Amino acid sequence: MTFIEFKKLLLDAELTIPKFTALIKVSEKNIQAYKKKKEVPNAIASIAACFAKMNQEGIDYRTLINDLDLKKKEKKGAGFSKKKEEKKKEEK
């Protein structure tokens, strides 16, 4: 699916990109990166299509998704702060 088709589905679902990313607990930067690629992964496209259809049918998908209690994944890089945390753990 193209990024433009994806954005149209979000409009049909009455969502903006920031609201969509907050709902499914993913980074807005990740979704915006698909704009450069001009293509959206199948999983993200499927979610947007389902949200659009559910909204059209009058189904409150927001409550359904919120009830899943999704957790946003924290980025675990190899930056300086990570090394400091590991050093503190080793000292204890």
Protein backbone atom coordinates (compact mmCIF):
# COMPACT_ATOMS: atom_id res chain seq x y z
CA MET A 1 0.00 0.00 0.00
CA THR A 2 1.25 3.45 -0.82
CA PHE A 3 1.70 6.05 1.87
CA ILE A 4 -1.00 8.19 0.22
CA GLU A 5 -3.50 5.31 0.35
CA PHE A 6 -2.55 4.79 3.99
CA LYS A 7 -3.23 8.45 4.83
CA LYS A 8 -6.63 8.21 3.10
CA LEU A 9 -7.51 5.24 5.30
CA LEU A 10 -6.53 7.24 8.36
CA LEU A 11 -8.87 10.00 7.23
CA ASP A 12 -11.65 7.42 6.83
CA ALA A 13 -10.88 6.25 10.37
CA GLU A 14 -10.92 9.88 11.57
CA LEU A 15 -7.30 9.66 12.70
CA THR A 16 -4.18 11.72 12.22
CA ILE A 17 -0.74 10.12 12.14
CA PRO A 18 0.04 11.26 15.71
CA LYS A 19 -3.29 9.88 16.98
CA PHE A 20 -2.77 6.62 15.07
CA THR A 21 0.73 6.12 16.48
CA ALA A 22 -0.44 6.93 20.01
CA LEU A 23 -3.29 4.44 19.68
CA ILE A 24 -1.17 1.52 18.48
CA LYS A 25 1.85 2.53 20.60
CA VAL A 26 4.46 2.92 17.88
CA SER A 27 6.88 5.72 17.19
CA GLU A 28 5.61 8.51 14.98
CA LYS A 29 9.09 8.63 13.43
CA ASN A 30 8.68 5.04 12.25
CA ILE A 31 5.42 5.81 10.47
CA GLN A 32 6.78 9.04 8.98
CA ALA A 33 9.77 7.06 7.62
CA TYR A 34 7.37 5.17 5.36
CA LYS A 35 6.59 8.47 3.66
CA LYS A 36 10.11 8.49 2.17
CA LYS A 37 9.78 4.87 1.10
CA LYS A 38 6.35 5.70 -0.35
CA GLU A 39 5.10 2.35 0.90
CA VAL A 40 3.59 1.13 4.16
CA PRO A 41 4.23 -2.36 5.57
CA ASN A 42 1.39 -4.85 5.30
CA ALA A 43 0.74 -4.99 9.05
CA ILE A 44 0.37 -1.21 9.37
CA ALA A 45 -1.76 -1.05 6.22
CA SER A 46 -4.01 -3.81 7.55
CA ILE A 47 -4.50 -2.01 10.86
CA ALA A 48 -5.41 1.25 9.10
CA ALA A 49 -7.85 -0.58 6.79
CA CYS A 50 -9.54 -2.27 9.74
CA PHE A 51 -9.83 1.01 11.63
CA ALA A 52 -11.37 2.71 8.58
CA LYS A 53 -13.90 -0.11 8.06
CA MET A 54 -14.78 -0.29 11.75
CA ASN A 55 -15.31 3.47 11.85
CA GLN A 56 -17.52 3.24 8.76
CA GLU A 57 -19.58 0.51 10.47
CA GLY A 58 -19.89 2.57 13.66
CA ILE A 59 -17.66 0.28 15.74
CA ASP A 60 -15.66 1.95 18.50
CA TYR A 61 -12.23 0.58 17.60
CA ARG A 62 -10.46 3.03 19.92
CA THR A 63 -11.90 1.38 23.03
CA LEU A 64 -11.11 -2.07 21.64
CA ILE A 65 -7.47 -1.12 21.09
CA ASN A 66 -7.13 0.71 24.41
CA ASP A 67 -8.50 -2.37 26.20
CA LEU A 68 -5.54 -4.36 24.82
CA ASP A 69 -3.29 -2.31 27.11
CA LEU A 70 -0.53 -2.16 24.50
CA LYS A 71 2.90 -1.07 25.69
CA LYS A 72 5.22 1.18 23.74
CA LYS A 73 8.58 -0.46 23.22
CA GLU A 74 11.56 1.48 24.47
CA LYS A 75 14.49 1.84 22.13
CA LYS A 76 17.46 -0.09 23.46
CA GLY A 77 20.50 1.28 21.71
CA ALA A 78 24.17 1.07 22.50
CA GLY A 79 24.49 4.71 23.47
CA PHE A 80 26.47 6.24 26.28
CA SER A 81 23.57 6.20 28.73
CA LYS A 82 23.20 2.44 28.23
CA LYS A 83 26.87 1.91 29.06
CA LYS A 84 26.54 4.07 32.19
CA GLU A 85 23.58 1.99 33.38
CA GLU A 86 25.50 -1.25 32.83
CA LYS A 87 28.52 0.11 34.70
CA LYS A 88 26.32 1.10 37.66
CA LYS A 89 24.85 -2.40 37.77
CA GLU A 90 28.32 -3.95 37.73
CA GLU A 91 29.46 -1.70 40.61
CA LYS A 92 26.55 -2.86 42.80
